[in-house]
Structure formats: structure tokens, C-alpha cells
Amino acid sequence: MAAGVAQARRWYWQRISAIVLAVFVLVHLAIIIYAVRGGLSAAEILGRTRGNWGFAAFYTAFVVACAVHVPGGLSNIAQEWWGLKERPALWFARVFAVLLLAAGLRAVYAVVAT
């Protein structure tokens, strides 16, 4: 695949994931406001999330959108600020995205299943 085509695809996925993330962030903030205004304690919040597979699906999609979004910007930062070449910067960003995905999915599991 030509370098320009690959770069255009990365740009496309970062912009689409940004749109998706904007929606997720707004819903997440609404959930936080609802919980705080309702005076829910941490224990009450966890009680509502345990076994709630709708919650799990929402936050799993949120984590996946983050993992798709982050590598584009992070590889650019690695190239522009740290002086990495394109290929090492892309691999660094991809590894970071996998770690972010794993940590996020572990957090979702911890809040829903345990």
C-alpha cells in the first residue's frame, strides 16, 4: 500500500473516532452529572454497574474508540517532538494503543463483572 494511502486512512480513522468519542464523552458526562446530582455513593454506583451488560457494551465501545483514536496523534507526536522516524513512531503508537485497550477493557470488566 502506498504511504500516502496509508496516511490518508490513518487520518480518516482518527477523524471518525473523534466524532464517536465526542458522543461517548457527552454521554459519559451526563452519567456523571446524573450520579452526582442523585447523591450516589461509589458503592451505589458500583452496585448499579455490576452485571449491567448495557453499561459494559457502552464503555467497551468507548475504550475501543479511544484505542483507534490515540495512535494517529501519538505517532505524530513521536515524530515531531521526539524525532522518531515514521515506522518506529507508528509501532510505538500501536503498542501504546494495545496497552490502552487492555487497560480499558480490564477496567470495564472490573466495574461490571466483579
N, C-alpha and C. Protein backbone atom coordinates (compact mmCIF):
# COMPACT_ATOMS: atom_id res chain seq x y z
N MET A 1 0.85 -1.17 0.00
CA MET A 1 0.00 0.00 0.00
C MET A 1 0.90 1.24 0.00
N ALA A 2 0.54 2.21 -0.78
CA ALA A 2 1.33 3.43 -0.87
C ALA A 2 1.28 4.19 0.46
N ALA A 3 2.38 4.86 0.76
CA ALA A 3 2.48 5.59 2.03
C ALA A 3 1.39 6.65 2.15
N GLY A 4 1.09 7.31 1.04
CA GLY A 4 0.06 8.35 1.08
C GLY A 4 -1.33 7.79 1.38
N VAL A 5 -1.62 6.61 0.84
CA VAL A 5 -2.91 5.97 1.08
C VAL A 5 -3.02 5.55 2.54
N ALA A 6 -1.93 4.98 3.08
CA ALA A 6 -1.93 4.56 4.49
C ALA A 6 -2.11 5.77 5.40
N GLN A 7 -1.43 6.85 5.07
CA GLN A 7 -1.55 8.07 5.88
C GLN A 7 -2.97 8.63 5.81
N ALA A 8 -3.58 8.59 4.64
CA ALA A 8 -4.96 9.06 4.49
C ALA A 8 -5.93 8.21 5.29
N ARG A 9 -5.69 6.89 5.31
CA ARG A 9 -6.55 6.01 6.11
C ARG A 9 -6.43 6.29 7.60
N ARG A 10 -5.19 6.50 8.06
CA ARG A 10 -5.00 6.83 9.48
C ARG A 10 -5.71 8.14 9.82
N TRP A 11 -5.61 9.12 8.94
CA TRP A 11 -6.28 10.40 9.15
C TRP A 11 -7.79 10.19 9.23
N TYR A 12 -8.33 9.39 8.30
CA TYR A 12 -9.76 9.11 8.25
C TYR A 12 -10.21 8.45 9.56
N TRP A 13 -9.51 7.40 10.00
CA TRP A 13 -9.91 6.69 11.22
C TRP A 13 -9.80 7.58 12.45
N GLN A 14 -8.81 8.46 12.46
CA GLN A 14 -8.72 9.36 13.61
C GLN A 14 -9.88 10.34 13.63
N ARG A 15 -10.29 10.84 12.50
CA ARG A 15 -11.41 11.80 12.47
C ARG A 15 -12.74 11.12 12.80
N ILE A 16 -12.98 9.93 12.27
CA ILE A 16 -14.21 9.19 12.58
C ILE A 16 -14.25 8.84 14.06
N SER A 17 -13.13 8.38 14.60
CA SER A 17 -13.10 8.03 16.02
C SER A 17 -13.29 9.27 16.89
N ALA A 18 -12.84 10.43 16.43
CA ALA A 18 -13.05 11.67 17.19
C ALA A 18 -14.54 12.00 17.28
N ILE A 19 -15.25 11.80 16.20
CA ILE A 19 -16.70 12.04 16.21
C ILE A 19 -17.39 11.09 17.18
N VAL A 20 -17.00 9.81 17.11
CA VAL A 20 -17.58 8.81 18.01
C VAL A 20 -17.25 9.15 19.46
N LEU A 21 -15.99 9.52 19.71
CA LEU A 21 -15.58 9.86 21.08
C LEU A 21 -16.34 11.07 21.61
N ALA A 22 -16.63 12.03 20.76
CA ALA A 22 -17.38 13.20 21.22
C ALA A 22 -18.74 12.78 21.78
N VAL A 23 -19.39 11.87 21.10
CA VAL A 23 -20.69 11.37 21.58
C VAL A 23 -20.52 10.62 22.90
N PHE A 24 -19.52 9.74 22.96
CA PHE A 24 -19.28 8.98 24.18
C PHE A 24 -18.96 9.89 25.36
N VAL A 25 -18.15 10.91 25.14
CA VAL A 25 -17.79 11.82 26.23
C VAL A 25 -19.03 12.56 26.73
N LEU A 26 -19.89 13.00 25.83
CA LEU A 26 -21.11 13.69 26.26
C LEU A 26 -22.01 12.78 27.09
N VAL A 27 -22.17 11.54 26.65
CA VAL A 27 -22.99 10.59 27.41
C VAL A 27 -22.33 10.29 28.75
N HIS A 28 -21.02 10.11 28.75
CA HIS A 28 -20.29 9.84 29.99
C HIS A 28 -20.46 11.00 30.98
N LEU A 29 -20.34 12.23 30.50
CA LEU A 29 -20.54 13.39 31.38
C LEU A 29 -21.96 13.45 31.91
N ALA A 30 -22.93 13.12 31.08
CA ALA A 30 -24.32 13.09 31.54
C ALA A 30 -24.51 12.05 32.64
N ILE A 31 -23.86 10.90 32.49
CA ILE A 31 -23.95 9.86 33.52
C ILE A 31 -23.32 10.35 34.82
N ILE A 32 -22.18 11.01 34.72
CA ILE A 32 -21.53 11.55 35.92
C ILE A 32 -22.42 12.58 36.60
N ILE A 33 -22.98 13.49 35.84
CA ILE A 33 -23.86 14.52 36.41
C ILE A 33 -25.07 13.88 37.08
N TYR A 34 -25.65 12.89 36.42
CA TYR A 34 -26.79 12.18 37.00
C TYR A 34 -26.41 11.54 38.33
N ALA A 35 -25.26 10.88 38.37
CA ALA A 35 -24.83 10.19 39.59
C ALA A 35 -24.54 11.17 40.71
N VAL A 36 -23.87 12.27 40.38
CA VAL A 36 -23.50 13.25 41.41
C VAL A 36 -24.73 13.98 41.94
N ARG A 37 -25.59 14.40 41.05
CA ARG A 37 -26.79 15.10 41.48
C ARG A 37 -27.74 14.20 42.26
N GLY A 38 -27.69 12.92 41.94
CA GLY A 38 -28.53 11.97 42.66
C GLY A 38 -27.95 11.60 44.01
N GLY A 39 -26.75 12.08 44.29
CA GLY A 39 -26.12 11.80 45.56
C GLY A 39 -25.67 10.36 45.73
N LEU A 40 -25.40 9.68 44.62
CA LEU A 40 -24.99 8.29 44.70
C LEU A 40 -23.57 8.16 45.26
N SER A 41 -23.38 7.20 46.12
CA SER A 41 -22.03 6.91 46.62
C SER A 41 -21.33 5.99 45.63
N ALA A 42 -20.03 5.82 45.83
CA ALA A 42 -19.27 4.91 44.97
C ALA A 42 -19.83 3.50 45.06
N ALA A 43 -20.20 3.08 46.25
CA ALA A 43 -20.75 1.73 46.43
C ALA A 43 -22.07 1.59 45.68
N GLU A 44 -22.90 2.62 45.71
CA GLU A 44 -24.18 2.57 44.99
C GLU A 44 -23.96 2.55 43.48
N ILE A 45 -22.98 3.31 43.01
CA ILE A 45 -22.68 3.31 41.58
C ILE A 45 -22.21 1.93 41.14
N LEU A 46 -21.29 1.34 41.90
CA LEU A 46 -20.81 0.01 41.56
C LEU A 46 -21.93 -1.02 41.65
N GLY A 47 -22.84 -0.83 42.58
CA GLY A 47 -23.98 -1.73 42.68
C GLY A 47 -24.86 -1.68 41.44
N ARG A 48 -24.95 -0.52 40.83
CA ARG A 48 -25.76 -0.38 39.61
C ARG A 48 -25.03 -0.89 38.37
N THR A 49 -23.70 -0.87 38.40
CA THR A 49 -22.96 -1.29 37.21
C THR A 49 -22.70 -2.80 37.19
N ARG A 50 -22.69 -3.44 38.34
CA ARG A 50 -22.42 -4.89 38.40
C ARG A 50 -23.47 -5.65 37.60
N GLY A 51 -23.00 -6.43 36.65
CA GLY A 51 -23.89 -7.25 35.85
C GLY A 51 -24.68 -6.48 34.80
N ASN A 52 -24.45 -5.19 34.67
CA ASN A 52 -25.16 -4.36 33.69
C ASN A 52 -24.42 -4.44 32.36
N TRP A 53 -24.89 -5.29 31.48
CA TRP A 53 -24.19 -5.52 30.22
C TRP A 53 -24.38 -4.39 29.23
N GLY A 54 -25.40 -3.56 29.41
CA GLY A 54 -25.54 -2.35 28.59
C GLY A 54 -24.43 -1.36 28.92
N PHE A 55 -24.16 -1.22 30.21
CA PHE A 55 -23.05 -0.39 30.67
C PHE A 55 -21.74 -0.93 30.11
N ALA A 56 -21.57 -2.25 30.18
CA ALA A 56 -20.34 -2.87 29.68
C ALA A 56 -20.18 -2.62 28.18
N ALA A 57 -21.24 -2.75 27.43
CA ALA A 57 -21.18 -2.54 25.97
C ALA A 57 -20.82 -1.09 25.65
N PHE A 58 -21.44 -0.15 26.35
CA PHE A 58 -21.16 1.27 26.12
C PHE A 58 -19.70 1.59 26.39
N TYR A 59 -19.21 1.19 27.56
CA TYR A 59 -17.83 1.53 27.92
C TYR A 59 -16.80 0.71 27.15
N THR A 60 -17.16 -0.48 26.71
CA THR A 60 -16.25 -1.24 25.84
C THR A 60 -16.09 -0.52 24.50
N ALA A 61 -17.19 -0.04 23.95
CA ALA A 61 -17.12 0.71 22.69
C ALA A 61 -16.33 2.01 22.90
N PHE A 62 -16.49 2.65 24.05
CA PHE A 62 -15.75 3.86 24.39
C PHE A 62 -14.24 3.57 24.39
N VAL A 63 -13.85 2.48 25.03
CA VAL A 63 -12.44 2.09 25.10
C VAL A 63 -11.90 1.78 23.70
N VAL A 64 -12.66 1.07 22.90
CA VAL A 64 -12.21 0.73 21.55
C VAL A 64 -12.05 2.01 20.72
N ALA A 65 -12.97 2.94 20.85
CA ALA A 65 -12.85 4.21 20.11
C ALA A 65 -11.58 4.96 20.53
N CYS A 66 -11.26 4.93 21.82
CA CYS A 66 -10.02 5.56 22.29
C CYS A 66 -8.80 4.88 21.68
N ALA A 67 -8.82 3.55 21.67
CA ALA A 67 -7.68 2.80 21.14
C ALA A 67 -7.50 3.02 19.64
N VAL A 68 -8.58 3.31 18.93
CA VAL A 68 -8.49 3.63 17.50
C VAL A 68 -7.98 5.05 17.31
N HIS A 69 -8.40 5.96 18.17
CA HIS A 69 -8.09 7.38 18.02
C HIS A 69 -6.65 7.73 18.39
N VAL A 70 -6.15 7.16 19.45
CA VAL A 70 -4.87 7.56 20.02
C VAL A 70 -3.66 7.37 19.10
N PRO A 71 -3.52 6.26 18.38
CA PRO A 71 -2.28 6.05 17.63
C PRO A 71 -1.95 7.13 16.60
N GLY A 72 -2.95 7.69 15.95
CA GLY A 72 -2.68 8.72 14.95
C GLY A 72 -1.98 9.93 15.54
N GLY A 73 -2.52 10.45 16.60
CA GLY A 73 -1.91 11.61 17.23
C GLY A 73 -0.60 11.29 17.92
N LEU A 74 -0.54 10.13 18.56
CA LEU A 74 0.67 9.76 19.29
C LEU A 74 1.84 9.53 18.33
N SER A 75 1.58 8.92 17.18
CA SER A 75 2.68 8.73 16.22
C SER A 75 3.17 10.07 15.68
N ASN A 76 2.27 11.02 15.49
CA ASN A 76 2.68 12.35 15.05
C ASN A 76 3.53 13.04 16.12
N ILE A 77 3.13 12.91 17.38
CA ILE A 77 3.90 13.49 18.48
C ILE A 77 5.29 12.86 18.53
N ALA A 78 5.34 11.53 18.40
CA ALA A 78 6.62 10.82 18.44
C ALA A 78 7.55 11.27 17.30
N GLN A 79 6.97 11.57 16.16
CA GLN A 79 7.79 12.02 15.03
C GLN A 79 8.22 13.47 15.19
N GLU A 80 7.28 14.33 15.55
CA GLU A 80 7.56 15.76 15.58
C GLU A 80 8.33 16.20 16.83
N TRP A 81 8.01 15.65 17.98
CA TRP A 81 8.63 16.10 19.22
C TRP A 81 9.85 15.28 19.60
N TRP A 82 9.78 13.97 19.35
CA TRP A 82 10.85 13.07 19.80
C TRP A 82 11.80 12.70 18.68
N GLY A 83 11.48 13.08 17.44
CA GLY A 83 12.37 12.83 16.32
C GLY A 83 12.41 11.40 15.81
N LEU A 84 11.40 10.59 16.15
CA LEU A 84 11.37 9.22 15.64
C LEU A 84 11.02 9.22 14.16
N LYS A 85 11.52 8.24 13.45
CA LYS A 85 11.13 8.04 12.05
C LYS A 85 9.70 7.51 12.02
N GLU A 86 9.07 7.54 10.84
CA GLU A 86 7.66 7.19 10.73
C GLU A 86 7.36 5.77 11.21
N ARG A 87 8.11 4.79 10.75
CA ARG A 87 7.82 3.39 11.10
C ARG A 87 7.95 3.12 12.60
N PRO A 88 9.06 3.52 13.27
CA PRO A 88 9.13 3.30 14.72
C PRO A 88 8.05 4.07 15.49
N ALA A 89 7.71 5.26 15.01
CA ALA A 89 6.66 6.05 15.66
C ALA A 89 5.32 5.33 15.56
N LEU A 90 5.03 4.76 14.40
CA LEU A 90 3.78 4.02 14.23
C LEU A 90 3.73 2.79 15.13
N TRP A 91 4.86 2.05 15.21
CA TRP A 91 4.87 0.87 16.08
C TRP A 91 4.74 1.24 17.54
N PHE A 92 5.40 2.31 17.95
CA PHE A 92 5.26 2.79 19.32
C PHE A 92 3.80 3.12 19.62
N ALA A 93 3.16 3.84 18.71
CA ALA A 93 1.77 4.24 18.91
C ALA A 93 0.84 3.03 18.93
N ARG A 94 1.11 2.06 18.09
CA ARG A 94 0.28 0.84 18.06
C ARG A 94 0.41 0.04 19.34
N VAL A 95 1.63 -0.10 19.83
CA VAL A 95 1.84 -0.83 21.09
C VAL A 95 1.14 -0.10 22.23
N PHE A 96 1.25 1.22 22.25
CA PHE A 96 0.57 2.00 23.28
C PHE A 96 -0.94 1.81 23.18
N ALA A 97 -1.48 1.78 21.97
CA ALA A 97 -2.92 1.59 21.78
C ALA A 97 -3.38 0.23 22.29
N VAL A 98 -2.56 -0.80 22.07
CA VAL A 98 -2.91 -2.14 22.58
C VAL A 98 -2.90 -2.14 24.10
N LEU A 99 -1.91 -1.48 24.70
CA LEU A 99 -1.87 -1.38 26.17
C LEU A 99 -3.06 -0.60 26.70
N LEU A 100 -3.42 0.48 26.02
CA LEU A 100 -4.59 1.27 26.40
C LEU A 100 -5.86 0.44 26.29
N LEU A 101 -5.98 -0.32 25.23
CA LEU A 101 -7.14 -1.19 25.04
C LEU A 101 -7.22 -2.23 26.16
N ALA A 102 -6.10 -2.86 26.47
CA ALA A 102 -6.09 -3.87 27.53
C ALA A 102 -6.45 -3.28 28.88
N ALA A 103 -5.89 -2.13 29.21
CA ALA A 103 -6.18 -1.49 30.50
C ALA A 103 -7.64 -1.06 30.57
N GLY A 104 -8.16 -0.51 29.49
CA GLY A 104 -9.54 -0.06 29.46
C GLY A 104 -10.52 -1.21 29.58
N LEU A 105 -10.26 -2.29 28.86
CA LEU A 105 -11.15 -3.45 28.93
C LEU A 105 -11.09 -4.11 30.31
N ARG A 106 -9.92 -4.10 30.92
CA ARG A 106 -9.79 -4.63 32.28
C ARG A 106 -10.62 -3.78 33.25
N ALA A 107 -10.59 -2.48 33.08
CA ALA A 107 -11.37 -1.59 33.94
C ALA A 107 -12.87 -1.84 33.77
N VAL A 108 -13.31 -1.99 32.53
CA VAL A 108 -14.72 -2.27 32.28
C VAL A 108 -15.12 -3.58 32.95
N TYR A 109 -14.28 -4.59 32.77
CA TYR A 109 -14.56 -5.89 33.39
C TYR A 109 -14.63 -5.75 34.92
N ALA A 110 -13.70 -5.01 35.50
CA ALA A 110 -13.67 -4.85 36.96
C ALA A 110 -14.93 -4.18 37.48
N VAL A 111 -15.46 -3.23 36.73
CA VAL A 111 -16.62 -2.48 37.20
C VAL A 111 -17.91 -3.27 36.97
N VAL A 112 -17.95 -4.09 35.94
CA VAL A 112 -19.18 -4.79 35.59
C VAL A 112 -19.23 -6.20 36.16
N ALA A 113 -18.14 -6.92 36.11
CA ALA A 113 -18.20 -8.35 36.41
C ALA A 113 -17.74 -8.74 37.81
N THR A 114 -17.02 -7.88 38.50
CA THR A 114 -16.50 -8.30 39.80
C THR A 114 -17.25 -7.66 40.95
